[in-house]
Amino acid sequence: MDLSIIIVNYNTKELLKQTIQSVIDNTQNISYEIIVVDNASVDGSCDMVNKDYPQVKVIKNTDNLGFPKANNKGIKIASGRYVMLLNSDTYVLENCLESCINYMDKYEDIGALGCKLVLANGELDHACKRGFPTPEASLYYLLKLDKLFPEVKKFGQYKMSYVFEDEISEVDSLTGAFMIVKREVIKKIGVLDETFFMYGEDIDWCYRIKEAGYKVMYYPEVRTIHYKGQSSKKKRLKTIYEFHRAMYIFYNKHYYKKYNFLVTLFVYIGITLRLMLALLVNIFKRKTV
């Protein structure tokens, strides 16, 4: 088996169907399996998969376990040389997966690879190539120095804006919406960190992959559409909370010992203020809808 494709689903029945069908329609010349891990959906997602795609393996959780824990359940039964995380709100275009596998097969030092992700409006999903959120990179990003000085590499660390979107490049991190990882790498570094719930685990995985001496590659020769944020512009409180909790977890895990107390204090204050602002904006949106 060349590739094990793991799709975590939570109440996205129609999008899930579209994603599975796109893989089947546009993937040739490699052997693959699809594993759907369902986080206690109530919209009939599992019944749809069992009926329309009997070849797809389904793991049905009785609770919403979050993204990393659900993916890990899929990884444990995967049999491919490569393991892929794929969002249920994506559409894989022609020859995308075959091309990615062929490219990774050429280079032993590639640990993880992601393709070019484009949003429904045709714009680049910047999460498909990004830097690690160091305190310095995060500060420049918050101050929008990357936009004021787009040519300055130092200021564009957070989004790796200096990396051209159509150029094959080594990057720091990919998004869990589309990430292919070598099985041998997973054996060395372990599975996703289940301390995270739905954000940050992909960046953490890439960090550990690079720590182990492998490259993380952005491969824009092929594309996938990411229907990101199409369901609603409003965010649930838990989503906002988990996004900011992931920042704390990642900082404490990888940066806490590298920076002095003052830097850590500023980071904690910054995350807290950002969380409070996001909650206030969300409340305001609810009142105006």
C-alpha atoms as a PDB file:
ATOM      1  CA  MET A   1       0.000   0.000   0.000  1.00  0.00           C
ATOM      2  CA  ASP A   2       1.433   3.358  -1.048  1.00  0.00           C
ATOM      3  CA  LEU A   3      -0.802   5.759   0.840  1.00  0.00           C
ATOM      4  CA  SER A   4      -3.200   5.690   3.772  1.00  0.00           C
ATOM      5  CA  ILE A   5      -5.540   8.697   3.678  1.00  0.00           C
ATOM      6  CA  ILE A   6      -7.056   9.607   7.043  1.00  0.00           C
ATOM      7  CA  ILE A   7     -10.061  11.923   7.058  1.00  0.00           C
ATOM      8  CA  VAL A   8     -11.431  13.115  10.388  1.00  0.00           C
ATOM      9  CA  ASN A   9     -15.080  14.070  10.129  1.00  0.00           C
ATOM     10  CA  TYR A  10     -17.436  15.993  12.388  1.00  0.00           C
ATOM     11  CA  ASN A  11     -20.873  16.709  10.941  1.00  0.00           C
ATOM     12  CA  THR A  12     -19.682  17.548   7.430  1.00  0.00           C
ATOM     13  CA  LYS A  13     -21.586  14.878   5.521  1.00  0.00           C
ATOM     14  CA  GLU A  14     -21.832  16.557   2.111  1.00  0.00           C
ATOM     15  CA  LEU A  15     -18.302  17.958   2.197  1.00  0.00           C
ATOM     16  CA  LEU A  16     -16.989  14.546   3.280  1.00  0.00           C
ATOM     17  CA  LYS A  17     -18.720  12.875   0.357  1.00  0.00           C
ATOM     18  CA  GLN A  18     -17.193  15.411  -2.019  1.00  0.00           C
ATOM     19  CA  THR A  19     -13.723  14.858  -0.560  1.00  0.00           C
ATOM     20  CA  ILE A  20     -13.885  11.072  -0.831  1.00  0.00           C
ATOM     21  CA  GLN A  21     -15.217  11.258  -4.381  1.00  0.00           C
ATOM     22  CA  SER A  22     -12.459  13.676  -5.410  1.00  0.00           C
ATOM     23  CA  VAL A  23      -9.817  11.224  -4.199  1.00  0.00           C
ATOM     24  CA  ILE A  24     -11.427   8.342  -6.077  1.00  0.00           C
ATOM     25  CA  ASP A  25     -11.949  10.315  -9.293  1.00  0.00           C
ATOM     26  CA  ASN A  26      -8.518  11.938  -9.416  1.00  0.00           C
ATOM     27  CA  THR A  27      -6.090   9.351  -8.068  1.00  0.00           C
ATOM     28  CA  GLN A  28      -4.506   6.770 -10.347  1.00  0.00           C
ATOM     29  CA  ASN A  29      -1.322   4.679 -10.508  1.00  0.00           C
ATOM     30  CA  ILE A  30      -0.821   4.444  -6.749  1.00  0.00           C
ATOM     31  CA  SER A  31      -2.416   2.070  -4.262  1.00  0.00           C
ATOM     32  CA  TYR A  32      -4.267   3.764  -1.439  1.00  0.00           C
ATOM     33  CA  GLU A  33      -6.824   3.293   1.293  1.00  0.00           C
ATOM     34  CA  ILE A  34      -9.217   5.797   2.822  1.00  0.00           C
ATOM     35  CA  ILE A  35      -9.909   5.745   6.555  1.00  0.00           C
ATOM     36  CA  VAL A  36     -12.687   7.974   7.883  1.00  0.00           C
ATOM     37  CA  VAL A  37     -12.576   8.653  11.617  1.00  0.00           C
ATOM     38  CA  ASP A  38     -15.896  10.129  12.697  1.00  0.00           C
ATOM     39  CA  ASN A  39     -16.095  12.215  15.870  1.00  0.00           C
ATOM     40  CA  ALA A  40     -19.665  11.369  16.905  1.00  0.00           C
ATOM     41  CA  SER A  41     -21.418  13.104  14.007  1.00  0.00           C
ATOM     42  CA  VAL A  42     -25.225  13.265  14.102  1.00  0.00           C
ATOM     43  CA  ASP A  43     -25.787  14.150  10.434  1.00  0.00           C
ATOM     44  CA  GLY A  44     -25.671  10.625   8.996  1.00  0.00           C
ATOM     45  CA  SER A  45     -22.067  10.872   7.809  1.00  0.00           C
ATOM     46  CA  CYS A  46     -21.156   7.297   8.745  1.00  0.00           C
ATOM     47  CA  ASP A  47     -24.277   5.837   7.131  1.00  0.00           C
ATOM     48  CA  MET A  48     -23.475   7.731   3.934  1.00  0.00           C
ATOM     49  CA  VAL A  49     -19.917   6.401   3.814  1.00  0.00           C
ATOM     50  CA  ASN A  50     -20.971   2.827   4.572  1.00  0.00           C
ATOM     51  CA  LYS A  51     -23.631   2.933   1.871  1.00  0.00           C
ATOM     52  CA  ASP A  52     -21.874   4.843  -0.916  1.00  0.00           C
ATOM     53  CA  TYR A  53     -18.254   3.854  -0.268  1.00  0.00           C
ATOM     54  CA  PRO A  54     -18.117   0.346   1.213  1.00  0.00           C
ATOM     55  CA  GLN A  55     -14.374   0.176   0.424  1.00  0.00           C
ATOM     56  CA  VAL A  56     -13.689   3.000   2.890  1.00  0.00           C
ATOM     57  CA  LYS A  57     -12.808   2.004   6.437  1.00  0.00           C
ATOM     58  CA  VAL A  58     -14.846   3.797   9.097  1.00  0.00           C
ATOM     59  CA  ILE A  59     -13.977   4.327  12.748  1.00  0.00           C
ATOM     60  CA  LYS A  60     -16.980   5.702  14.616  1.00  0.00           C
ATOM     61  CA  ASN A  61     -16.212   7.462  17.884  1.00  0.00           C
ATOM     62  CA  THR A  62     -18.912   7.863  20.509  1.00  0.00           C
ATOM     63  CA  ASP A  63     -17.539  11.274  21.536  1.00  0.00           C
ATOM     64  CA  ASN A  64     -15.793  14.158  19.814  1.00  0.00           C
ATOM     65  CA  LEU A  65     -12.187  13.236  20.549  1.00  0.00           C
ATOM     66  CA  GLY A  66     -10.665  16.187  18.727  1.00  0.00           C
ATOM     67  CA  PHE A  67      -8.408  16.218  15.677  1.00  0.00           C
ATOM     68  CA  PRO A  68      -5.123  14.637  16.874  1.00  0.00           C
ATOM     69  CA  LYS A  69      -6.659  11.820  18.898  1.00  0.00           C
ATOM     70  CA  ALA A  70      -9.019  10.900  16.056  1.00  0.00           C
ATOM     71  CA  ASN A  71      -6.197  10.967  13.501  1.00  0.00           C
ATOM     72  CA  ASN A  72      -4.072   8.779  15.748  1.00  0.00           C
ATOM     73  CA  LYS A  73      -6.777   6.122  15.771  1.00  0.00           C
ATOM     74  CA  GLY A  74      -6.606   6.116  11.983  1.00  0.00           C
ATOM     75  CA  ILE A  75      -2.797   6.049  11.961  1.00  0.00           C
ATOM     76  CA  LYS A  76      -2.797   2.938  14.162  1.00  0.00           C
ATOM     77  CA  ILE A  77      -4.692   0.886  11.563  1.00  0.00           C
ATOM     78  CA  ALA A  78      -3.092   2.472   8.486  1.00  0.00           C
ATOM     79  CA  SER A  79      -1.002   0.172   6.288  1.00  0.00           C
ATOM     80  CA  GLY A  80       0.497   2.606   3.741  1.00  0.00           C
ATOM     81  CA  ARG A  81       4.150   3.526   3.228  1.00  0.00           C
ATOM     82  CA  TYR A  82       2.915   7.081   3.631  1.00  0.00           C
ATOM     83  CA  VAL A  83       0.225   8.398   5.962  1.00  0.00           C
ATOM     84  CA  MET A  84      -1.839  11.391   4.926  1.00  0.00           C
ATOM     85  CA  LEU A  85      -3.970  13.773   6.964  1.00  0.00           C
ATOM     86  CA  LEU A  86      -6.744  15.195   4.780  1.00  0.00           C
ATOM     87  CA  ASN A  87      -9.545  17.513   5.852  1.00  0.00           C
ATOM     88  CA  SER A  88     -13.130  16.624   5.097  1.00  0.00           C
ATOM     89  CA  ASP A  89     -13.593  20.063   3.478  1.00  0.00           C
ATOM     90  CA  THR A  90     -11.073  19.590   0.673  1.00  0.00           C
ATOM     91  CA  TYR A  91     -11.265  18.659  -3.009  1.00  0.00           C
ATOM     92  CA  VAL A  92      -8.215  16.805  -4.346  1.00  0.00           C
ATOM     93  CA  LEU A  93      -7.457  17.705  -7.960  1.00  0.00           C
ATOM     94  CA  GLU A  94      -6.216  15.418 -10.743  1.00  0.00           C
ATOM     95  CA  ASN A  95      -2.961  13.498 -10.167  1.00  0.00           C
ATOM     96  CA  CYS A  96      -2.308  15.418  -6.955  1.00  0.00           C
ATOM     97  CA  LEU A  97      -1.660  12.455  -4.685  1.00  0.00           C
ATOM     98  CA  GLU A  98       0.236  10.425  -7.277  1.00  0.00           C
ATOM     99  CA  SER A  99       2.549  13.360  -7.986  1.00  0.00           C
ATOM    100  CA  CYS A 100       3.180  13.956  -4.285  1.00  0.00           C
ATOM    101  CA  ILE A 101       4.091  10.327  -3.651  1.00  0.00           C
ATOM    102  CA  ASN A 102       6.367  10.185  -6.706  1.00  0.00           C
ATOM    103  CA  TYR A 103       8.186  13.315  -5.541  1.00  0.00           C
ATOM    104  CA  MET A 104       8.643  12.027  -1.986  1.00  0.00           C
ATOM    105  CA  ASP A 105       9.959   8.711  -3.293  1.00  0.00           C
ATOM    106  CA  LYS A 106      12.845  10.560  -4.948  1.00  0.00           C
ATOM    107  CA  TYR A 107      14.203  12.058  -1.715  1.00  0.00           C
ATOM    108  CA  GLU A 108      14.909  10.045   1.427  1.00  0.00           C
ATOM    109  CA  ASP A 109      15.327  13.159   3.560  1.00  0.00           C
ATOM    110  CA  ILE A 110      11.751  14.411   3.047  1.00  0.00           C
ATOM    111  CA  GLY A 111       9.731  13.648   6.155  1.00  0.00           C
ATOM    112  CA  ALA A 112       6.526  15.493   5.310  1.00  0.00           C
ATOM    113  CA  LEU A 113       5.030  17.162   2.255  1.00  0.00           C
ATOM    114  CA  GLY A 114       2.069  19.373   1.472  1.00  0.00           C
ATOM    115  CA  CYS A 115       0.713  20.626  -1.832  1.00  0.00           C
ATOM    116  CA  LYS A 116      -0.578  24.072  -2.784  1.00  0.00           C
ATOM    117  CA  LEU A 117      -3.913  24.668  -1.070  1.00  0.00           C
ATOM    118  CA  VAL A 118      -6.235  27.213  -2.617  1.00  0.00           C
ATOM    119  CA  LEU A 119      -9.412  28.582  -1.081  1.00  0.00           C
ATOM    120  CA  ALA A 120     -12.773  28.550  -2.808  1.00  0.00           C
ATOM    121  CA  ASN A 121     -12.132  32.085  -4.084  1.00  0.00           C
ATOM    122  CA  GLY A 122      -8.866  31.002  -5.714  1.00  0.00           C
ATOM    123  CA  GLU A 123      -6.565  32.658  -3.188  1.00  0.00           C
ATOM    124  CA  LEU A 124      -3.758  30.789  -1.465  1.00  0.00           C
ATOM    125  CA  ASP A 125      -4.463  29.224   1.905  1.00  0.00           C
ATOM    126  CA  HIS A 126      -1.374  30.565   3.654  1.00  0.00           C
ATOM    127  CA  ALA A 127      -1.462  27.762   6.231  1.00  0.00           C
ATOM    128  CA  CYS A 128      -0.079  25.379   3.595  1.00  0.00           C
ATOM    129  CA  LYS A 129       3.389  26.950   3.987  1.00  0.00           C
ATOM    130  CA  ARG A 130       4.282  28.723   7.191  1.00  0.00           C
ATOM    131  CA  GLY A 131       6.994  29.338   9.728  1.00  0.00           C
ATOM    132  CA  PHE A 132       7.104  28.334  13.356  1.00  0.00           C
ATOM    133  CA  PRO A 133       5.409  30.820  15.728  1.00  0.00           C
ATOM    134  CA  THR A 134       8.476  31.995  17.606  1.00  0.00           C
ATOM    135  CA  PRO A 135       7.946  35.046  19.837  1.00  0.00           C
ATOM    136  CA  GLU A 136       9.865  37.179  17.340  1.00  0.00           C
ATOM    137  CA  ALA A 137       7.951  35.916  14.286  1.00  0.00           C
ATOM    138  CA  SER A 138       4.618  36.298  16.090  1.00  0.00           C
ATOM    139  CA  LEU A 139       5.427  39.873  17.117  1.00  0.00           C
ATOM    140  CA  TYR A 140       6.316  40.910  13.569  1.00  0.00           C
ATOM    141  CA  TYR A 141       3.110  39.286  12.332  1.00  0.00           C
ATOM    142  CA  LEU A 142       0.907  41.015  14.918  1.00  0.00           C
ATOM    143  CA  LEU A 143       2.512  44.358  14.076  1.00  0.00           C
ATOM    144  CA  LYS A 144       1.869  43.594  10.380  1.00  0.00           C
ATOM    145  CA  LEU A 145       5.490  44.307   9.521  1.00  0.00           C
ATOM    146  CA  ASP A 146       5.313  41.514   6.947  1.00  0.00           C
ATOM    147  CA  LYS A 147       2.834  43.624   4.969  1.00  0.00           C
ATOM    148  CA  LEU A 148       4.702  46.893   5.461  1.00  0.00           C
ATOM    149  CA  PHE A 149       8.017  45.340   4.396  1.00  0.00           C
ATOM    150  CA  PRO A 150       7.129  42.328   2.211  1.00  0.00           C
ATOM    151  CA  GLU A 151      10.673  41.970   0.872  1.00  0.00           C
ATOM    152  CA  VAL A 152      12.256  41.624   4.314  1.00  0.00           C
ATOM    153  CA  LYS A 153      12.664  37.936   5.147  1.00  0.00           C
ATOM    154  CA  LYS A 154      12.874  38.512   8.901  1.00  0.00           C
ATOM    155  CA  PHE A 155       9.451  40.150   9.023  1.00  0.00           C
ATOM    156  CA  GLY A 156       7.794  37.428   6.939  1.00  0.00           C
ATOM    157  CA  GLN A 157       8.797  34.476   9.113  1.00  0.00           C
ATOM    158  CA  TYR A 158       5.292  33.719  10.428  1.00  0.00           C
ATOM    159  CA  LYS A 159       3.618  33.099   7.062  1.00  0.00           C
ATOM    160  CA  MET A 160       6.857  32.541   5.135  1.00  0.00           C
ATOM    161  CA  SER A 161       5.556  35.220   2.787  1.00  0.00           C
ATOM    162  CA  TYR A 162       8.971  35.413   1.135  1.00  0.00           C
ATOM    163  CA  VAL A 163       8.477  31.880  -0.257  1.00  0.00           C
ATOM    164  CA  PHE A 164       6.808  32.172  -3.669  1.00  0.00           C
ATOM    165  CA  GLU A 165       3.538  30.271  -3.783  1.00  0.00           C
ATOM    166  CA  ASP A 166       4.470  28.437  -6.995  1.00  0.00           C
ATOM    167  CA  GLU A 167       8.010  27.483  -5.984  1.00  0.00           C
ATOM    168  CA  ILE A 168       8.940  24.106  -4.477  1.00  0.00           C
ATOM    169  CA  SER A 169      10.492  25.014  -1.131  1.00  0.00           C
ATOM    170  CA  GLU A 170      11.516  23.670   2.221  1.00  0.00           C
ATOM    171  CA  VAL A 171       9.319  25.247   4.901  1.00  0.00           C
ATOM    172  CA  ASP A 172       8.873  25.009   8.644  1.00  0.00           C
ATOM    173  CA  SER A 173       5.320  23.788   8.819  1.00  0.00           C
ATOM    174  CA  LEU A 174       2.341  22.513   6.833  1.00  0.00           C
ATOM    175  CA  THR A 175      -1.339  22.333   7.663  1.00  0.00           C
ATOM    176  CA  GLY A 176      -3.100  19.205   8.875  1.00  0.00           C
ATOM    177  CA  ALA A 177      -5.681  19.847   6.163  1.00  0.00           C
ATOM    178  CA  PHE A 178      -3.234  18.237   3.725  1.00  0.00           C
ATOM    179  CA  MET A 179      -0.074  16.599   5.017  1.00  0.00           C
ATOM    180  CA  ILE A 180       1.701  13.448   3.847  1.00  0.00           C
ATOM    181  CA  VAL A 181       4.208  11.888   6.258  1.00  0.00           C
ATOM    182  CA  LYS A 182       6.520   8.914   5.778  1.00  0.00           C
ATOM    183  CA  ARG A 183       5.631   5.960   7.978  1.00  0.00           C
ATOM    184  CA  GLU A 184       9.283   5.519   9.020  1.00  0.00           C
ATOM    185  CA  VAL A 185       9.250   9.096  10.305  1.00  0.00           C
ATOM    186  CA  ILE A 186       6.158   8.438  12.415  1.00  0.00           C
ATOM    187  CA  LYS A 187       7.896   5.397  13.903  1.00  0.00           C
ATOM    188  CA  LYS A 188      10.784   7.640  14.970  1.00  0.00           C
ATOM    189  CA  ILE A 189       8.950  10.720  16.287  1.00  0.00           C
ATOM    190  CA  GLY A 190       5.590   9.283  17.314  1.00  0.00           C
ATOM    191  CA  VAL A 191       2.024  10.191  16.418  1.00  0.00           C
ATOM    192  CA  LEU A 192       0.226  13.499  16.917  1.00  0.00           C
ATOM    193  CA  ASP A 193       0.327  15.059  20.377  1.00  0.00           C
ATOM    194  CA  GLU A 194      -3.098  14.513  21.929  1.00  0.00           C
ATOM    195  CA  THR A 195      -2.593  17.388  24.385  1.00  0.00           C
ATOM    196  CA  PHE A 196      -3.875  19.555  21.542  1.00  0.00           C
ATOM    197  CA  PHE A 197      -7.551  19.303  20.574  1.00  0.00           C
ATOM    198  CA  MET A 198      -8.043  20.873  17.157  1.00  0.00           C
ATOM    199  CA  TYR A 199      -5.239  23.375  16.510  1.00  0.00           C
ATOM    200  CA  GLY A 200      -1.457  23.320  16.815  1.00  0.00           C
ATOM    201  CA  GLU A 201      -0.908  19.584  16.526  1.00  0.00           C
ATOM    202  CA  ASP A 202       0.143  19.909  12.876  1.00  0.00           C
ATOM    203  CA  ILE A 203       2.761  22.586  13.658  1.00  0.00           C
ATOM    204  CA  ASP A 204       4.003  20.509  16.582  1.00  0.00           C
ATOM    205  CA  TRP A 205       4.326  17.431  14.328  1.00  0.00           C
ATOM    206  CA  CYS A 206       6.315  19.386  11.758  1.00  0.00           C
ATOM    207  CA  TYR A 207       8.541  20.778  14.513  1.00  0.00           C
ATOM    208  CA  ARG A 208       9.343  17.253  15.687  1.00  0.00           C
ATOM    209  CA  ILE A 209       9.881  16.051  12.108  1.00  0.00           C
ATOM    210  CA  LYS A 210      12.476  18.764  11.538  1.00  0.00           C
ATOM    211  CA  GLU A 211      14.071  18.099  14.929  1.00  0.00           C
ATOM    212  CA  ALA A 212      14.565  14.500  13.791  1.00  0.00           C
ATOM    213  CA  GLY A 213      16.549  15.748  10.790  1.00  0.00           C
ATOM    214  CA  TYR A 214      13.950  15.493   8.037  1.00  0.00           C
ATOM    215  CA  LYS A 215      12.776  18.149   5.605  1.00  0.00           C
ATOM    216  CA  VAL A 216       9.244  19.534   5.467  1.00  0.00           C
ATOM    217  CA  MET A 217       8.441  20.387   1.866  1.00  0.00           C
ATOM    218  CA  TYR A 218       5.915  22.648   0.169  1.00  0.00           C
ATOM    219  CA  TYR A 219       5.106  21.153  -3.242  1.00  0.00           C
ATOM    220  CA  PRO A 220       2.961  23.528  -5.362  1.00  0.00           C
ATOM    221  CA  GLU A 221       3.233  21.494  -8.576  1.00  0.00           C
ATOM    222  CA  VAL A 222      -0.225  20.138  -7.707  1.00  0.00           C
ATOM    223  CA  ARG A 223      -3.206  21.673  -5.953  1.00  0.00           C
ATOM    224  CA  THR A 224      -6.109  20.900  -3.669  1.00  0.00           C
ATOM    225  CA  ILE A 225      -9.092  23.153  -2.973  1.00  0.00           C
ATOM    226  CA  HIS A 226      -9.751  23.907   0.692  1.00  0.00           C
ATOM    227  CA  TYR A 227     -13.303  25.036   1.480  1.00  0.00           C
ATOM    228  CA  LYS A 228     -12.084  26.655   4.662  1.00  0.00           C
ATOM    229  CA  GLY A 229     -14.597  28.513   6.773  1.00  0.00           C
ATOM    230  CA  GLN A 230     -17.404  28.101   4.265  1.00  0.00           C
ATOM    231  CA  SER A 231     -20.010  26.837   6.716  1.00  0.00           C
ATOM    232  CA  SER A 232     -20.222  29.948   8.871  1.00  0.00           C
ATOM    233  CA  LYS A 233     -18.336  33.128   9.657  1.00  0.00           C
ATOM    234  CA  LYS A 234     -19.321  32.809  13.293  1.00  0.00           C
ATOM    235  CA  LYS A 235     -17.065  30.741  15.541  1.00  0.00           C
ATOM    236  CA  ARG A 236     -18.084  28.637  18.498  1.00  0.00           C
ATOM    237  CA  LEU A 237     -16.581  29.601  21.833  1.00  0.00           C
ATOM    238  CA  LYS A 238     -14.801  26.244  22.118  1.00  0.00           C
ATOM    239  CA  THR A 239     -13.163  26.781  18.721  1.00  0.00           C
ATOM    240  CA  ILE A 240     -11.818  30.166  19.792  1.00  0.00           C
ATOM    241  CA  TYR A 241     -10.667  28.789  23.128  1.00  0.00           C
ATOM    242  CA  GLU A 242      -8.876  25.779  21.625  1.00  0.00           C
ATOM    243  CA  PHE A 243      -7.121  27.948  19.047  1.00  0.00           C
ATOM    244  CA  HIS A 244      -5.554  30.067  21.768  1.00  0.00           C
ATOM    245  CA  ARG A 245      -4.966  27.150  24.146  1.00  0.00           C
ATOM    246  CA  ALA A 246      -2.874  25.572  21.387  1.00  0.00           C
ATOM    247  CA  MET A 247      -0.596  28.626  21.442  1.00  0.00           C
ATOM    248  CA  TYR A 248       0.085  28.095  25.144  1.00  0.00           C
ATOM    249  CA  ILE A 249       0.727  24.383  24.663  1.00  0.00           C
ATOM    250  CA  PHE A 250       3.126  24.885  21.755  1.00  0.00           C
ATOM    251  CA  TYR A 251       5.069  27.649  23.498  1.00  0.00           C
ATOM    252  CA  ASN A 252       5.388  25.713  26.739  1.00  0.00           C
ATOM    253  CA  LYS A 253       6.484  22.579  24.910  1.00  0.00           C
ATOM    254  CA  HIS A 254       9.077  24.038  22.535  1.00  0.00           C
ATOM    255  CA  TYR A 255      10.026  27.572  23.594  1.00  0.00           C
ATOM    256  CA  TYR A 256       9.527  27.949  27.335  1.00  0.00           C
ATOM    257  CA  LYS A 257      13.069  26.839  28.216  1.00  0.00           C
ATOM    258  CA  LYS A 258      14.636  28.843  25.392  1.00  0.00           C
ATOM    259  CA  TYR A 259      13.454  32.291  26.504  1.00  0.00           C
ATOM    260  CA  ASN A 260      13.732  34.289  29.704  1.00  0.00           C
ATOM    261  CA  PHE A 261      10.906  35.056  32.109  1.00  0.00           C
ATOM    262  CA  LEU A 262      10.156  38.482  30.623  1.00  0.00           C
ATOM    263  CA  VAL A 263       9.653  37.111  27.098  1.00  0.00           C
ATOM    264  CA  THR A 264       7.445  34.328  28.454  1.00  0.00           C
ATOM    265  CA  LEU A 265       5.372  36.844  30.424  1.00  0.00           C
ATOM    266  CA  PHE A 266       4.811  38.976  27.321  1.00  0.00           C
ATOM    267  CA  VAL A 267       3.842  35.879  25.325  1.00  0.00           C
ATOM    268  CA  TYR A 268       1.290  34.818  27.949  1.00  0.00           C
ATOM    269  CA  ILE A 269      -0.167  38.330  28.142  1.00  0.00           C
ATOM    270  CA  GLY A 270      -0.321  38.556  24.356  1.00  0.00           C
ATOM    271  CA  ILE A 271      -2.168  35.252  23.995  1.00  0.00           C
ATOM    272  CA  THR A 272      -4.607  36.172  26.775  1.00  0.00           C
ATOM    273  CA  LEU A 273      -5.383  39.587  25.291  1.00  0.00           C
ATOM    274  CA  ARG A 274      -5.830  38.044  21.861  1.00  0.00           C
ATOM    275  CA  LEU A 275      -8.243  35.484  23.307  1.00  0.00           C
ATOM    276  CA  MET A 276     -10.294  38.164  25.059  1.00  0.00           C
ATOM    277  CA  LEU A 277     -10.471  40.255  21.898  1.00  0.00           C
ATOM    278  CA  ALA A 278     -11.555  37.257  19.811  1.00  0.00           C
ATOM    279  CA  LEU A 279     -14.323  36.439  22.303  1.00  0.00           C
ATOM    280  CA  LEU A 280     -15.579  40.028  22.299  1.00  0.00           C
ATOM    281  CA  VAL A 281     -15.622  40.165  18.489  1.00  0.00           C
ATOM    282  CA  ASN A 282     -17.523  36.870  18.372  1.00  0.00           C
ATOM    283  CA  ILE A 283     -20.119  38.102  20.876  1.00  0.00           C
ATOM    284  CA  PHE A 284     -20.580  41.268  18.841  1.00  0.00           C
ATOM    285  CA  LYS A 285     -21.112  39.234  15.658  1.00  0.00           C
ATOM    286  CA  ARG A 286     -23.733  37.089  17.379  1.00  0.00           C
ATOM    287  CA  LYS A 287     -25.667  40.177  18.447  1.00  0.00           C
ATOM    288  CA  THR A 288     -25.630  41.668  14.951  1.00  0.00           C
ATOM    289  CA  VAL A 289     -26.801  38.512  13.186  1.00  0.00           C
END
